[in-house]
Structures are given as structure tokens and as C-alpha cells.
N, C-alpha and C. Protein backbone atom coordinates (compact mmCIF):
# COMPACT_ATOMS: atom_id res chain seq x y z
N MET A 1 12.51 3.10 -25.01
CA MET A 1 12.58 2.66 -23.62
C MET A 1 11.19 2.73 -22.99
N ARG A 2 10.86 1.72 -22.23
CA ARG A 2 9.56 1.68 -21.58
C ARG A 2 9.54 2.48 -20.28
N LYS A 3 8.36 2.94 -19.91
CA LYS A 3 8.16 3.54 -18.59
C LYS A 3 7.68 2.48 -17.62
N ILE A 4 8.07 2.61 -16.37
CA ILE A 4 7.58 1.75 -15.30
C ILE A 4 6.68 2.57 -14.39
N LYS A 5 5.43 2.14 -14.26
CA LYS A 5 4.45 2.83 -13.43
C LYS A 5 4.03 1.93 -12.28
N ILE A 6 4.16 2.44 -11.07
CA ILE A 6 3.72 1.72 -9.88
C ILE A 6 2.33 2.22 -9.51
N ILE A 7 1.39 1.30 -9.31
CA ILE A 7 0.03 1.65 -8.90
C ILE A 7 -0.29 0.89 -7.63
N GLU A 8 -0.77 1.59 -6.60
CA GLU A 8 -1.06 0.91 -5.34
C GLU A 8 -2.34 1.43 -4.70
N HIS A 9 -3.17 0.51 -4.21
CA HIS A 9 -4.19 0.83 -3.23
C HIS A 9 -3.47 0.82 -1.88
N ILE A 10 -3.63 1.88 -1.10
CA ILE A 10 -2.84 2.00 0.13
C ILE A 10 -3.65 2.66 1.23
N SER A 11 -3.50 2.16 2.46
CA SER A 11 -4.18 2.76 3.61
C SER A 11 -3.41 3.98 4.09
N LEU A 12 -4.01 4.75 4.96
CA LEU A 12 -3.34 5.94 5.50
C LEU A 12 -2.05 5.58 6.24
N ASP A 13 -1.99 4.37 6.81
CA ASP A 13 -0.77 3.98 7.51
C ASP A 13 0.14 3.11 6.63
N GLY A 14 -0.06 3.18 5.32
CA GLY A 14 0.92 2.63 4.39
C GLY A 14 0.78 1.17 4.02
N VAL A 15 -0.32 0.51 4.42
CA VAL A 15 -0.48 -0.91 4.13
C VAL A 15 -1.07 -1.11 2.74
N ILE A 16 -0.52 -2.07 1.99
CA ILE A 16 -1.02 -2.37 0.65
C ILE A 16 -1.49 -3.82 0.53
N GLN A 17 -1.44 -4.57 1.61
CA GLN A 17 -1.72 -6.00 1.55
C GLN A 17 -3.20 -6.30 1.38
N ALA A 18 -3.50 -7.19 0.44
CA ALA A 18 -4.83 -7.80 0.26
C ALA A 18 -5.99 -6.82 0.20
N PRO A 19 -5.94 -5.82 -0.68
CA PRO A 19 -7.09 -4.91 -0.78
C PRO A 19 -8.29 -5.52 -1.50
N GLY A 20 -8.06 -6.57 -2.30
CA GLY A 20 -9.09 -7.04 -3.21
C GLY A 20 -10.21 -7.84 -2.58
N GLY A 21 -9.91 -8.71 -1.61
CA GLY A 21 -10.96 -9.53 -1.06
C GLY A 21 -10.47 -10.42 0.07
N PRO A 22 -11.39 -10.96 0.89
CA PRO A 22 -11.01 -11.89 1.97
C PRO A 22 -10.30 -13.11 1.39
N GLY A 23 -9.25 -13.53 2.06
CA GLY A 23 -8.51 -14.69 1.59
C GLY A 23 -7.57 -14.41 0.44
N GLU A 24 -7.46 -13.15 0.03
CA GLU A 24 -6.58 -12.81 -1.10
C GLU A 24 -5.13 -13.13 -0.79
N ASP A 25 -4.72 -12.93 0.43
CA ASP A 25 -3.32 -13.16 0.81
C ASP A 25 -3.28 -13.95 2.12
N GLY A 26 -3.62 -15.22 2.00
CA GLY A 26 -3.54 -16.11 3.15
C GLY A 26 -4.50 -15.73 4.26
N ASP A 27 -3.96 -15.67 5.48
CA ASP A 27 -4.81 -15.42 6.64
C ASP A 27 -4.81 -13.96 7.08
N TYR A 28 -4.42 -13.04 6.18
CA TYR A 28 -4.47 -11.62 6.55
C TYR A 28 -5.91 -11.26 6.92
N PRO A 29 -6.14 -10.72 8.14
CA PRO A 29 -7.52 -10.60 8.65
C PRO A 29 -8.37 -9.53 8.00
N TYR A 30 -7.76 -8.57 7.30
CA TYR A 30 -8.54 -7.44 6.77
C TYR A 30 -8.63 -7.46 5.25
N GLY A 31 -8.47 -8.62 4.65
CA GLY A 31 -8.53 -8.71 3.20
C GLY A 31 -9.85 -8.16 2.65
N GLY A 32 -9.75 -7.37 1.58
CA GLY A 32 -10.94 -6.77 0.97
C GLY A 32 -11.25 -5.38 1.46
N TRP A 33 -10.29 -4.72 2.08
CA TRP A 33 -10.54 -3.41 2.69
C TRP A 33 -10.83 -2.32 1.66
N ALA A 34 -10.46 -2.53 0.41
CA ALA A 34 -10.72 -1.51 -0.62
C ALA A 34 -12.14 -1.58 -1.17
N ALA A 35 -12.78 -2.74 -1.07
CA ALA A 35 -14.07 -2.95 -1.73
C ALA A 35 -15.16 -1.97 -1.32
N PRO A 36 -15.30 -1.60 -0.04
CA PRO A 36 -16.37 -0.67 0.33
C PRO A 36 -16.20 0.73 -0.26
N TYR A 37 -15.04 1.03 -0.83
CA TYR A 37 -14.77 2.37 -1.35
C TYR A 37 -14.73 2.40 -2.88
N ASP A 38 -15.38 1.44 -3.50
CA ASP A 38 -15.42 1.41 -4.96
C ASP A 38 -15.95 2.74 -5.50
N ASP A 39 -15.23 3.34 -6.44
CA ASP A 39 -15.60 4.67 -6.93
C ASP A 39 -15.17 4.81 -8.38
N PRO A 40 -16.02 5.37 -9.24
CA PRO A 40 -15.65 5.54 -10.66
C PRO A 40 -14.38 6.35 -10.86
N ALA A 41 -14.12 7.34 -9.98
CA ALA A 41 -12.92 8.16 -10.15
C ALA A 41 -11.65 7.33 -10.00
N GLY A 42 -11.66 6.38 -9.07
CA GLY A 42 -10.51 5.51 -8.90
C GLY A 42 -10.31 4.61 -10.10
N GLU A 43 -11.40 4.06 -10.62
CA GLU A 43 -11.32 3.21 -11.80
C GLU A 43 -10.80 3.98 -13.00
N GLU A 44 -11.26 5.22 -13.17
CA GLU A 44 -10.80 6.05 -14.29
C GLU A 44 -9.30 6.32 -14.19
N ALA A 45 -8.82 6.61 -12.97
CA ALA A 45 -7.40 6.89 -12.79
C ALA A 45 -6.55 5.66 -13.11
N ILE A 46 -7.03 4.49 -12.71
CA ILE A 46 -6.29 3.26 -12.98
C ILE A 46 -6.26 2.96 -14.48
N LEU A 47 -7.39 3.10 -15.14
CA LEU A 47 -7.44 2.85 -16.57
C LEU A 47 -6.55 3.83 -17.33
N ALA A 48 -6.55 5.09 -16.91
CA ALA A 48 -5.71 6.09 -17.57
C ALA A 48 -4.23 5.76 -17.40
N ALA A 49 -3.85 5.29 -16.20
CA ALA A 49 -2.45 4.94 -15.95
C ALA A 49 -2.04 3.72 -16.77
N HIS A 50 -2.95 2.77 -16.94
CA HIS A 50 -2.66 1.58 -17.74
C HIS A 50 -2.43 1.94 -19.20
N GLY A 51 -3.17 2.91 -19.70
CA GLY A 51 -3.03 3.30 -21.09
C GLY A 51 -3.69 2.31 -22.03
N GLU A 52 -3.41 2.46 -23.32
CA GLU A 52 -4.02 1.62 -24.35
C GLU A 52 -3.53 0.18 -24.29
N GLY A 53 -2.29 0.01 -23.89
CA GLY A 53 -1.72 -1.32 -23.78
C GLY A 53 -0.62 -1.30 -22.74
N PHE A 54 -0.38 -2.44 -22.08
CA PHE A 54 0.62 -2.48 -21.03
C PHE A 54 1.07 -3.92 -20.80
N ASP A 55 2.24 -4.06 -20.19
CA ASP A 55 2.69 -5.33 -19.65
C ASP A 55 2.77 -5.20 -18.14
N LEU A 56 2.94 -6.32 -17.45
CA LEU A 56 2.97 -6.32 -15.99
C LEU A 56 4.36 -6.67 -15.48
N LEU A 57 4.79 -5.99 -14.42
CA LEU A 57 6.03 -6.29 -13.72
C LEU A 57 5.63 -6.63 -12.29
N LEU A 58 5.83 -7.89 -11.88
CA LEU A 58 5.25 -8.36 -10.63
C LEU A 58 6.25 -9.15 -9.79
N GLY A 59 6.11 -9.03 -8.47
CA GLY A 59 6.78 -9.95 -7.56
C GLY A 59 6.07 -11.29 -7.61
N ARG A 60 6.74 -12.33 -7.14
CA ARG A 60 6.18 -13.66 -7.26
C ARG A 60 4.89 -13.83 -6.45
N ARG A 61 4.83 -13.25 -5.25
CA ARG A 61 3.63 -13.41 -4.43
C ARG A 61 2.41 -12.78 -5.10
N THR A 62 2.57 -11.57 -5.62
CA THR A 62 1.45 -10.93 -6.31
C THR A 62 1.07 -11.71 -7.57
N TYR A 63 2.06 -12.19 -8.29
CA TYR A 63 1.78 -13.00 -9.48
C TYR A 63 0.92 -14.21 -9.11
N ASP A 64 1.30 -14.92 -8.05
CA ASP A 64 0.56 -16.12 -7.66
C ASP A 64 -0.88 -15.79 -7.26
N ILE A 65 -1.08 -14.68 -6.52
CA ILE A 65 -2.43 -14.28 -6.12
C ILE A 65 -3.27 -13.98 -7.35
N TRP A 66 -2.73 -13.21 -8.27
CA TRP A 66 -3.48 -12.83 -9.47
C TRP A 66 -3.71 -14.02 -10.39
N ALA A 67 -2.74 -14.93 -10.45
CA ALA A 67 -2.88 -16.10 -11.31
C ALA A 67 -4.04 -16.99 -10.87
N GLY A 68 -4.38 -16.92 -9.59
CA GLY A 68 -5.49 -17.69 -9.08
C GLY A 68 -6.83 -17.00 -9.21
N PHE A 69 -6.81 -15.77 -9.73
CA PHE A 69 -8.06 -15.00 -9.80
C PHE A 69 -8.43 -14.56 -11.22
N TRP A 70 -7.55 -13.81 -11.87
CA TRP A 70 -7.92 -13.15 -13.11
C TRP A 70 -8.24 -14.10 -14.27
N PRO A 71 -7.56 -15.24 -14.41
CA PRO A 71 -7.93 -16.13 -15.51
C PRO A 71 -9.36 -16.68 -15.41
N LYS A 72 -9.95 -16.61 -14.22
CA LYS A 72 -11.31 -17.12 -14.02
C LYS A 72 -12.37 -16.09 -14.37
N ILE A 73 -11.97 -14.82 -14.55
CA ILE A 73 -12.93 -13.76 -14.80
C ILE A 73 -13.18 -13.64 -16.30
N LYS A 74 -14.44 -13.74 -16.69
CA LYS A 74 -14.81 -13.71 -18.10
C LYS A 74 -15.62 -12.45 -18.42
N ASP A 75 -15.55 -12.04 -19.69
CA ASP A 75 -16.32 -10.90 -20.19
C ASP A 75 -16.11 -9.65 -19.35
N ASN A 76 -14.83 -9.36 -19.05
CA ASN A 76 -14.47 -8.21 -18.25
C ASN A 76 -13.25 -7.55 -18.91
N PRO A 77 -13.36 -6.27 -19.32
CA PRO A 77 -12.24 -5.63 -20.03
C PRO A 77 -10.94 -5.61 -19.23
N MET A 78 -11.03 -5.33 -17.92
CA MET A 78 -9.81 -5.31 -17.11
C MET A 78 -9.18 -6.69 -17.06
N ALA A 79 -9.99 -7.72 -16.84
CA ALA A 79 -9.46 -9.08 -16.81
C ALA A 79 -8.84 -9.45 -18.15
N ASP A 80 -9.49 -9.06 -19.24
CA ASP A 80 -8.97 -9.37 -20.57
C ASP A 80 -7.60 -8.74 -20.77
N SER A 81 -7.44 -7.48 -20.34
CA SER A 81 -6.16 -6.79 -20.55
C SER A 81 -5.07 -7.37 -19.66
N LEU A 82 -5.40 -7.74 -18.43
CA LEU A 82 -4.41 -8.33 -17.53
C LEU A 82 -3.99 -9.72 -18.00
N ASN A 83 -4.95 -10.49 -18.46
CA ASN A 83 -4.64 -11.83 -18.95
C ASN A 83 -3.79 -11.79 -20.21
N ALA A 84 -4.02 -10.77 -21.04
CA ALA A 84 -3.28 -10.67 -22.31
C ALA A 84 -1.87 -10.10 -22.12
N ALA A 85 -1.66 -9.33 -21.06
CA ALA A 85 -0.37 -8.68 -20.85
C ALA A 85 0.73 -9.71 -20.60
N THR A 86 1.93 -9.41 -21.07
CA THR A 86 3.09 -10.23 -20.70
C THR A 86 3.45 -9.93 -19.25
N LYS A 87 3.63 -10.97 -18.45
CA LYS A 87 3.96 -10.82 -17.05
C LYS A 87 5.46 -11.06 -16.85
N TYR A 88 6.18 -10.03 -16.46
CA TYR A 88 7.60 -10.16 -16.13
C TYR A 88 7.68 -10.34 -14.62
N VAL A 89 8.21 -11.48 -14.18
CA VAL A 89 8.04 -11.89 -12.79
C VAL A 89 9.40 -12.03 -12.10
N ALA A 90 9.51 -11.44 -10.91
CA ALA A 90 10.69 -11.62 -10.06
C ALA A 90 10.54 -12.94 -9.31
N THR A 91 11.24 -13.95 -9.78
CA THR A 91 11.11 -15.28 -9.19
C THR A 91 12.38 -16.08 -9.39
N HIS A 92 12.65 -16.96 -8.42
CA HIS A 92 13.76 -17.90 -8.57
C HIS A 92 13.26 -19.23 -9.13
N ARG A 93 11.95 -19.31 -9.42
CA ARG A 93 11.36 -20.56 -9.93
C ARG A 93 10.56 -20.28 -11.20
N PRO A 94 11.19 -19.77 -12.25
CA PRO A 94 10.45 -19.44 -13.48
C PRO A 94 9.78 -20.66 -14.12
N ASP A 95 10.32 -21.85 -13.87
CA ASP A 95 9.75 -23.05 -14.46
C ASP A 95 8.38 -23.39 -13.88
N SER A 96 8.02 -22.77 -12.73
CA SER A 96 6.74 -23.05 -12.10
C SER A 96 5.66 -22.02 -12.46
N LEU A 97 5.99 -21.06 -13.32
CA LEU A 97 5.00 -20.07 -13.76
C LEU A 97 4.01 -20.72 -14.72
N GLU A 98 2.74 -20.37 -14.59
CA GLU A 98 1.71 -20.96 -15.45
C GLU A 98 0.82 -19.92 -16.13
N TRP A 99 0.58 -18.79 -15.47
CA TRP A 99 -0.32 -17.77 -16.03
C TRP A 99 0.47 -16.95 -17.03
N GLY A 100 0.22 -17.16 -18.29
CA GLY A 100 1.00 -16.48 -19.30
C GLY A 100 0.21 -15.45 -20.08
N PRO A 101 0.89 -14.82 -21.04
CA PRO A 101 2.31 -15.01 -21.34
C PRO A 101 3.19 -14.46 -20.22
N PHE A 102 4.34 -15.09 -20.00
CA PHE A 102 5.18 -14.69 -18.87
C PHE A 102 6.65 -14.81 -19.25
N GLN A 103 7.47 -14.17 -18.42
CA GLN A 103 8.92 -14.26 -18.57
C GLN A 103 9.54 -13.96 -17.23
N GLY A 104 10.47 -14.78 -16.78
CA GLY A 104 11.20 -14.49 -15.55
C GLY A 104 12.21 -13.38 -15.77
N LEU A 105 12.55 -12.67 -14.72
CA LEU A 105 13.51 -11.57 -14.83
C LEU A 105 14.95 -12.02 -14.69
N GLY A 106 15.16 -13.29 -14.33
CA GLY A 106 16.51 -13.80 -14.18
C GLY A 106 17.00 -13.69 -12.75
N PRO A 107 18.19 -14.21 -12.45
CA PRO A 107 18.70 -14.23 -11.08
C PRO A 107 19.03 -12.85 -10.53
N ASP A 108 19.41 -11.92 -11.39
CA ASP A 108 19.69 -10.54 -10.97
C ASP A 108 18.46 -9.70 -11.34
N ILE A 109 17.60 -9.45 -10.35
CA ILE A 109 16.33 -8.79 -10.63
C ILE A 109 16.53 -7.38 -11.18
N VAL A 110 17.45 -6.63 -10.60
CA VAL A 110 17.69 -5.26 -11.04
C VAL A 110 18.13 -5.23 -12.51
N GLU A 111 19.08 -6.08 -12.86
CA GLU A 111 19.54 -6.13 -14.25
C GLU A 111 18.44 -6.63 -15.18
N GLY A 112 17.61 -7.56 -14.67
CA GLY A 112 16.50 -8.04 -15.48
C GLY A 112 15.51 -6.94 -15.79
N VAL A 113 15.21 -6.12 -14.79
CA VAL A 113 14.29 -5.00 -15.01
C VAL A 113 14.90 -3.99 -15.97
N ARG A 114 16.18 -3.68 -15.80
CA ARG A 114 16.85 -2.74 -16.71
C ARG A 114 16.79 -3.25 -18.15
N ARG A 115 16.98 -4.54 -18.31
CA ARG A 115 16.96 -5.12 -19.65
C ARG A 115 15.58 -4.98 -20.29
N ILE A 116 14.53 -5.30 -19.54
CA ILE A 116 13.17 -5.21 -20.08
C ILE A 116 12.79 -3.76 -20.32
N LYS A 117 13.18 -2.88 -19.41
CA LYS A 117 12.85 -1.45 -19.53
C LYS A 117 13.49 -0.84 -20.78
N ALA A 118 14.64 -1.34 -21.16
CA ALA A 118 15.37 -0.78 -22.30
C ALA A 118 14.82 -1.22 -23.65
N THR A 119 13.91 -2.19 -23.65
CA THR A 119 13.37 -2.68 -24.92
C THR A 119 12.20 -1.82 -25.37
N ASP A 120 11.82 -1.97 -26.63
CA ASP A 120 10.61 -1.33 -27.13
C ASP A 120 9.40 -2.12 -26.67
N GLY A 121 8.32 -1.40 -26.39
CA GLY A 121 7.10 -2.08 -25.97
C GLY A 121 6.24 -1.16 -25.13
N PRO A 122 5.12 -1.68 -24.63
CA PRO A 122 4.22 -0.86 -23.83
C PRO A 122 4.79 -0.60 -22.44
N ASP A 123 4.15 0.32 -21.73
CA ASP A 123 4.57 0.61 -20.37
C ASP A 123 4.46 -0.63 -19.49
N LEU A 124 5.27 -0.67 -18.44
CA LEU A 124 5.25 -1.76 -17.47
C LEU A 124 4.52 -1.28 -16.22
N ILE A 125 3.48 -2.01 -15.83
CA ILE A 125 2.68 -1.65 -14.67
C ILE A 125 3.02 -2.56 -13.50
N VAL A 126 3.26 -1.97 -12.35
CA VAL A 126 3.57 -2.72 -11.13
C VAL A 126 2.41 -2.57 -10.16
N TRP A 127 1.88 -3.71 -9.70
CA TRP A 127 0.86 -3.73 -8.66
C TRP A 127 1.40 -4.53 -7.48
N GLY A 128 0.98 -4.15 -6.25
CA GLY A 128 1.42 -4.92 -5.09
C GLY A 128 2.93 -4.99 -5.03
N SER A 129 3.47 -6.21 -4.85
CA SER A 129 4.92 -6.44 -5.02
C SER A 129 5.75 -5.48 -4.19
N SER A 130 5.52 -5.44 -2.88
CA SER A 130 6.14 -4.43 -2.02
C SER A 130 7.66 -4.50 -2.03
N THR A 131 8.23 -5.67 -2.10
CA THR A 131 9.69 -5.79 -2.15
C THR A 131 10.23 -5.23 -3.46
N LEU A 132 9.54 -5.51 -4.53
CA LEU A 132 9.96 -5.04 -5.85
C LEU A 132 9.85 -3.52 -5.97
N THR A 133 8.78 -2.92 -5.43
CA THR A 133 8.61 -1.47 -5.56
C THR A 133 9.74 -0.70 -4.88
N SER A 134 10.14 -1.14 -3.70
CA SER A 134 11.24 -0.46 -3.01
C SER A 134 12.52 -0.55 -3.82
N MET A 135 12.78 -1.70 -4.42
CA MET A 135 13.98 -1.88 -5.24
C MET A 135 13.95 -0.98 -6.47
N LEU A 136 12.79 -0.85 -7.10
CA LEU A 136 12.67 -0.01 -8.28
C LEU A 136 12.98 1.45 -7.96
N LEU A 137 12.47 1.92 -6.83
CA LEU A 137 12.74 3.30 -6.43
C LEU A 137 14.19 3.50 -6.02
N GLU A 138 14.75 2.52 -5.34
CA GLU A 138 16.15 2.61 -4.91
C GLU A 138 17.09 2.76 -6.09
N HIS A 139 16.81 2.04 -7.18
CA HIS A 139 17.71 2.04 -8.33
C HIS A 139 17.27 2.99 -9.43
N GLY A 140 16.32 3.86 -9.14
CA GLY A 140 15.91 4.86 -10.11
C GLY A 140 15.23 4.30 -11.34
N LEU A 141 14.52 3.19 -11.19
CA LEU A 141 13.90 2.54 -12.34
C LEU A 141 12.43 2.88 -12.50
N ALA A 142 11.79 3.39 -11.47
CA ALA A 142 10.37 3.76 -11.56
C ALA A 142 10.23 5.16 -12.14
N ASP A 143 9.25 5.31 -13.02
CA ASP A 143 9.02 6.61 -13.67
C ASP A 143 7.80 7.33 -13.10
N GLU A 144 6.88 6.60 -12.49
CA GLU A 144 5.64 7.21 -12.01
C GLU A 144 5.07 6.35 -10.89
N VAL A 145 4.48 7.00 -9.90
CA VAL A 145 3.83 6.30 -8.79
C VAL A 145 2.42 6.85 -8.62
N LEU A 146 1.42 5.98 -8.79
CA LEU A 146 0.03 6.38 -8.60
C LEU A 146 -0.47 5.72 -7.31
N LEU A 147 -0.84 6.54 -6.34
CA LEU A 147 -1.33 6.05 -5.06
C LEU A 147 -2.80 6.39 -4.90
N LEU A 148 -3.61 5.37 -4.60
CA LEU A 148 -5.00 5.57 -4.24
C LEU A 148 -5.08 5.37 -2.73
N VAL A 149 -5.11 6.48 -1.99
CA VAL A 149 -5.01 6.44 -0.53
C VAL A 149 -6.40 6.39 0.09
N TYR A 150 -6.66 5.33 0.84
CA TYR A 150 -7.97 5.10 1.43
C TYR A 150 -8.03 5.66 2.85
N PRO A 151 -9.19 6.19 3.26
CA PRO A 151 -9.31 6.81 4.59
C PRO A 151 -9.51 5.76 5.69
N ILE A 152 -8.55 4.86 5.80
CA ILE A 152 -8.61 3.80 6.80
C ILE A 152 -7.24 3.58 7.41
N LEU A 153 -7.23 3.01 8.61
CA LEU A 153 -6.01 2.58 9.29
C LEU A 153 -6.11 1.08 9.50
N LEU A 154 -5.11 0.34 9.06
CA LEU A 154 -5.14 -1.12 9.17
C LEU A 154 -4.27 -1.65 10.31
N GLY A 155 -3.27 -0.90 10.70
CA GLY A 155 -2.48 -1.29 11.87
C GLY A 155 -1.40 -2.31 11.61
N LYS A 156 -1.66 -3.25 10.72
CA LYS A 156 -0.64 -4.24 10.40
C LYS A 156 -0.84 -4.71 8.96
N GLY A 157 0.22 -5.31 8.43
CA GLY A 157 0.18 -5.78 7.05
C GLY A 157 1.41 -5.31 6.30
N LYS A 158 1.60 -5.84 5.09
CA LYS A 158 2.74 -5.44 4.26
C LYS A 158 2.58 -3.98 3.84
N ARG A 159 3.65 -3.24 4.01
CA ARG A 159 3.61 -1.81 3.69
C ARG A 159 4.29 -1.53 2.36
N PHE A 160 3.86 -0.44 1.77
CA PHE A 160 4.38 -0.04 0.46
C PHE A 160 5.88 0.15 0.51
N PHE A 161 6.35 0.90 1.48
CA PHE A 161 7.78 1.12 1.64
C PHE A 161 8.27 0.34 2.85
N SER A 162 9.15 -0.62 2.63
CA SER A 162 9.68 -1.42 3.71
C SER A 162 10.78 -0.67 4.45
N ASP A 163 11.11 -1.12 5.65
CA ASP A 163 12.23 -0.55 6.39
C ASP A 163 13.50 -0.70 5.56
N GLY A 164 14.29 0.35 5.55
CA GLY A 164 15.52 0.31 4.78
C GLY A 164 15.41 0.90 3.38
N THR A 165 14.18 1.32 2.99
CA THR A 165 14.04 1.98 1.69
C THR A 165 14.87 3.26 1.69
N PRO A 166 15.74 3.48 0.71
CA PRO A 166 16.58 4.68 0.69
C PRO A 166 15.73 5.95 0.64
N PRO A 167 16.15 7.00 1.32
CA PRO A 167 15.41 8.27 1.28
C PRO A 167 15.34 8.82 -0.14
N ARG A 168 14.15 9.23 -0.54
CA ARG A 168 13.93 9.75 -1.88
C ARG A 168 12.91 10.87 -1.85
N GLU A 169 12.96 11.74 -2.85
CA GLU A 169 11.93 12.75 -3.03
C GLU A 169 11.08 12.38 -4.24
N LEU A 170 9.80 12.77 -4.18
CA LEU A 170 8.90 12.58 -5.30
C LEU A 170 8.18 13.90 -5.55
N THR A 171 7.97 14.22 -6.81
CA THR A 171 7.25 15.43 -7.19
C THR A 171 5.79 15.09 -7.42
N LEU A 172 4.89 15.85 -6.82
CA LEU A 172 3.46 15.64 -7.02
C LEU A 172 3.07 16.16 -8.40
N ALA A 173 2.58 15.24 -9.25
CA ALA A 173 2.21 15.62 -10.62
C ALA A 173 0.72 15.88 -10.77
N GLY A 174 -0.07 15.40 -9.84
CA GLY A 174 -1.52 15.62 -9.92
C GLY A 174 -2.22 14.92 -8.78
N THR A 175 -3.34 15.48 -8.33
CA THR A 175 -4.10 14.86 -7.25
C THR A 175 -5.56 15.26 -7.34
N LYS A 176 -6.42 14.37 -6.88
CA LYS A 176 -7.84 14.69 -6.80
C LYS A 176 -8.48 13.78 -5.75
N ALA A 177 -9.61 14.21 -5.25
CA ALA A 177 -10.33 13.45 -4.23
C ALA A 177 -11.57 12.84 -4.84
N ALA A 178 -11.79 11.54 -4.58
CA ALA A 178 -13.02 10.88 -5.00
C ALA A 178 -14.10 11.13 -3.95
N SER A 179 -15.34 11.01 -4.35
CA SER A 179 -16.44 11.30 -3.45
C SER A 179 -16.47 10.36 -2.24
N CYS A 180 -15.90 9.16 -2.38
CA CYS A 180 -15.90 8.19 -1.29
C CYS A 180 -14.80 8.45 -0.26
N GLY A 181 -13.91 9.41 -0.53
CA GLY A 181 -12.85 9.74 0.41
C GLY A 181 -11.47 9.31 -0.01
N ILE A 182 -11.36 8.59 -1.13
CA ILE A 182 -10.05 8.19 -1.62
C ILE A 182 -9.33 9.41 -2.21
N ILE A 183 -8.06 9.57 -1.89
CA ILE A 183 -7.21 10.60 -2.49
C ILE A 183 -6.34 9.93 -3.54
N ILE A 184 -6.45 10.40 -4.78
CA ILE A 184 -5.73 9.81 -5.90
C ILE A 184 -4.61 10.77 -6.29
N SER A 185 -3.37 10.34 -6.10
CA SER A 185 -2.23 11.22 -6.35
C SER A 185 -1.20 10.53 -7.24
N THR A 186 -0.65 11.29 -8.16
CA THR A 186 0.39 10.80 -9.05
C THR A 186 1.70 11.51 -8.72
N TYR A 187 2.76 10.72 -8.55
CA TYR A 187 4.07 11.26 -8.19
C TYR A 187 5.12 10.85 -9.23
N ILE A 188 6.11 11.70 -9.40
CA ILE A 188 7.24 11.42 -10.27
C ILE A 188 8.49 11.37 -9.39
N PRO A 189 9.24 10.27 -9.36
CA PRO A 189 10.48 10.23 -8.58
C PRO A 189 11.41 11.38 -8.97
N ALA A 190 11.97 12.04 -7.95
CA ALA A 190 12.74 13.26 -8.20
C ALA A 190 14.14 13.23 -7.59
N GLY A 191 14.66 12.05 -7.29
CA GLY A 191 16.03 11.97 -6.82
C GLY A 191 16.16 11.83 -5.32
N PRO A 192 17.40 11.91 -4.81
CA PRO A 192 17.67 11.73 -3.39
C PRO A 192 17.02 12.81 -2.52
N LEU A 193 16.79 12.47 -1.28
CA LEU A 193 16.22 13.40 -0.32
C LEU A 193 17.18 14.54 0.00
N ARG A 194 16.66 15.76 -0.03
CA ARG A 194 17.44 16.92 0.41
C ARG A 194 17.11 17.21 1.86
N THR A 195 18.08 17.72 2.60
CA THR A 195 17.84 18.12 3.98
C THR A 195 18.28 19.56 4.17
N GLY A 196 17.87 20.17 5.26
CA GLY A 196 18.23 21.55 5.52
C GLY A 196 17.73 21.99 6.87
N SER A 197 17.91 23.23 7.17
CA SER A 197 17.44 23.82 8.42
C SER A 197 17.00 25.25 8.16
N TYR A 198 16.16 25.78 9.05
CA TYR A 198 15.67 27.14 8.90
C TYR A 198 16.61 28.12 9.59
N ASP A 199 17.12 29.06 8.82
CA ASP A 199 18.02 30.09 9.35
C ASP A 199 17.18 31.31 9.71
N GLU A 200 16.97 31.53 11.00
CA GLU A 200 16.12 32.64 11.44
C GLU A 200 16.71 33.99 11.06
N ALA A 201 18.03 34.09 11.09
CA ALA A 201 18.66 35.38 10.78
C ALA A 201 18.41 35.76 9.32
N GLU A 202 18.49 34.77 8.43
CA GLU A 202 18.29 35.05 7.01
C GLU A 202 16.85 34.86 6.57
N GLY A 203 16.04 34.25 7.44
CA GLY A 203 14.63 34.05 7.12
C GLY A 203 14.40 33.09 5.97
N ARG A 204 15.23 32.07 5.86
CA ARG A 204 15.07 31.10 4.78
C ARG A 204 15.65 29.76 5.19
N VAL A 205 15.30 28.75 4.39
CA VAL A 205 15.83 27.41 4.63
C VAL A 205 17.20 27.28 3.99
N ILE A 206 18.15 26.76 4.74
CA ILE A 206 19.49 26.51 4.23
C ILE A 206 19.60 25.03 3.91
N GLN A 207 19.79 24.73 2.63
CA GLN A 207 19.90 23.33 2.24
C GLN A 207 21.27 22.79 2.61
N ARG A 208 21.26 21.58 3.22
CA ARG A 208 22.50 20.97 3.67
C ARG A 208 23.07 19.95 2.70
N GLY A 209 22.32 19.53 1.73
CA GLY A 209 22.79 18.52 0.80
C GLY A 209 21.76 17.46 0.59
N SER A 210 22.11 16.44 -0.16
CA SER A 210 21.20 15.35 -0.48
C SER A 210 21.63 14.10 0.25
N SER A 211 20.73 13.10 0.26
CA SER A 211 20.97 11.90 1.02
C SER A 211 22.08 11.04 0.44
N ASP A 212 22.54 11.34 -0.77
CA ASP A 212 23.64 10.56 -1.34
C ASP A 212 24.98 11.25 -1.14
N GLY A 213 24.99 12.30 -0.30
CA GLY A 213 26.24 12.95 0.05
C GLY A 213 26.58 14.18 -0.77
N ARG A 214 25.76 14.50 -1.78
CA ARG A 214 26.06 15.66 -2.61
C ARG A 214 25.57 16.93 -1.91
N GLU A 215 26.27 18.03 -2.12
CA GLU A 215 25.85 19.32 -1.57
C GLU A 215 25.02 20.08 -2.60
């Protein structure tokens, strides 16, 4: 079974839209916000998460943005690995895909991801794809989340977690700070959110149960 790893460049207020460059995502006014914070520590963390080999799991919008960029980049190891990876794409128009190798996930995206995840092969890396990431976490399909948190506030833009994302807990597996101010943290999904209250008489937190109704 493959692992699914989500990797995101993200602002302090949760925006993940268009970090790569101006014009990356239409008329978003702050495109390229990650570029001034280029740091070897961030690159090392991304390469380590990718591993020796990987495939890509992408929403259609992210696929289209990358398809217009990465095939044009030559003599670059990252570009070579992304271009060579099989792209599994959440799309209702698989016949219009051109940047290969590729495969559509089918009309039922959740079942399509489960099917691909259950096969033998390299890890599946998710970039961008904000709608897809929320769905993966909701259905317990993500195995790891790597966040590169930038010391900026963008105020508007597509956010990593959309409204309506089910409450979840994540376990912090590792974190470090880059010299440029980026915080690089790895999380492991850990199930539904627990709630509780502080009992002053007993001097401890009383757990009330989890967000799925279990005590």
C-alpha cells in the first residue's frame, strides 16, 4: 500500500494559493510570495519527503498550472522527477489531460484514491489541490502532512483547509526553523478531534469524547 504525503507552502493565515510566481494562478495579486524566502532547509525537507521516487496526486487546477510550467524546465532534477512521475488527477475531463504520464481518478474521487493507494508503487505526493487535501483528511487517506509555514499574512486566497473540513487531530512528528523564518513541520493524522474541559476540583482535563461521537 502506498503512503499519501501532503506538502504545502502556507502563510500564517492559512493561504496556499500561488506561492511560485506572479500569474501562477490567474489574477491572484500576491503570486510568488514564497520566492523571497528561498532557503536550503526548505528544499532539503521537500526532497526528503519526496523520497527516491514518487507519483503525484493532484487536483485539476494544480495539474493545469504545473502542466504549463514544469515541462518547460530543462536540466533541473526537481523538474525531471515531476515530469517523470505518474500524475493521478481529480478531473471530470480526463480526455483533456496532456502532461503525462497521467491517469484520471474516475468519477468517484474518494474511491479512485483508495484504489491507487492500495496498489504497489512509490509514495503519492500532493501539492496545492486545496479541495483534494480536505477530502483526503476527511476520509483518513492522508498519511503525512508537511507544512512550510511562511512568516507572512496574505489576507485572502485559497486556504489549505476549507470551511466544512471535519475536525481532526494531527500528531507533530518533527519541526525545525529555517534561517529565513520558515517553520517546517511534519504532522501525522491522528483521528477525530477530542474535546474536554478543565476540572478545577480534580486539577485535570476531563475528556468529553471525540468529534465522531465516541466517548
